[in-house]
Amino acid sequence: MPRPSDLFDRVANAPVVPPRLPLVVLLNGAGDAGSALATVTDFMREELDPQPVAVFRNDELLDYRARRPLVTFDEDHVSEVRAARLELSLAHDALGQPFLLLAGYEPDYAWDAFVEAAIGLADEFDAVTVTRIHSIAMPVPHTRPLGSTVSGTRDELIRAHSIWKPRTQFPGSLGHVLEFRMSEDGFPTAGFSILVPHYLAETEFPGAALAALDRIMTATGLVFGLDGLREENRVYLERIEDQIETNDELRRMVANLEHRMDAWTAGGLGAGAGRFDGIAEGDLPSADELAAELERFLADRRDDEQGPQI
């Protein structure tokens, strides 16, 4: 196993990192319903101009055959080769508040060493909290606020924002492993899995990114300017509604999801109201049923048409 210190390079003339900053983790690899992680990562990099402190080495962590660099060919020559990036950076929110950002691809190799390296850097910079974002497809309607499942050690966030609390097993991501190990090491952790409408999971759904950024702000106290993303989501939802209006099957599906969602969240006025605690396993479509439904709704997508297709 490579040594953790062999997996990254410290950046010369990197900014000074103040102690006791929140750490936000965005590792894009296994699944990204609604492109939530990809959109949040682009938002962070394009809007906040994070300054790298440590850059992880692709040759140690990346399977180039699975994730090849993006090449630009300009008439008769290669003008650019853009490799994947995985960096720990210092960023600032809309109010100038600093935070640490670990963002980029999920490593293909050396998970244990990478986790050790990430924990070592979090220890070195004395990170005060760790917030991780993930997104999964669920049979929920786009016409209701997107919920989340919350994991980690921050009980106040779990109580306030975890609407679905399953007991299940599944192939984990490196984000799950990192959260588990950092929790064991005593870092206050919160992992938010945004519940994205399954019929929009294969599209770039701005609402999923908005929900993810909202959870990050709630967990960290950071503030982001989201007007541009909200406008993108408004246009996106208008296009979705246009499609639903002309498709009886889609209209019935959304109405059924709304009915079930409203019944779940009504739940009475006692403890547990507003949670999915009462869902029985048989109430949810199976993974095969979801896949078949998605295939049916996406079958008529046209490559040359603008806007989301469901």
Foldseek 3Di string as FASTA:
>chain_A
DDALVVFKDFDPPFDDFAAAAAEEEQADDPAAFLCQSVVLLCCQCVVWVWTFGMWTDCVAFHDCVVPPWDWDDDPDGTPDTHDWTWTWTWTAAPVRHIHIYGHTHQTPDDLVSNLVNVVVVCVVRNHQAYEYEGEDEFQAAPVDQWAKAKDFDPVVCNLVGHQEDDDDDDDDGSVVVSRVVVRVVPHGYMYIYTHHHLLRRPHNQLSSNVVRVVSVCVVRVGDHDCPVSVVVNVVQVVVVVVVCVVDVVSVVSNVVNVVVQVVQQCVDDDPSRHHNVPDDPVVGDDPVVSVVVNCVQCVPDDPPDDHDGD
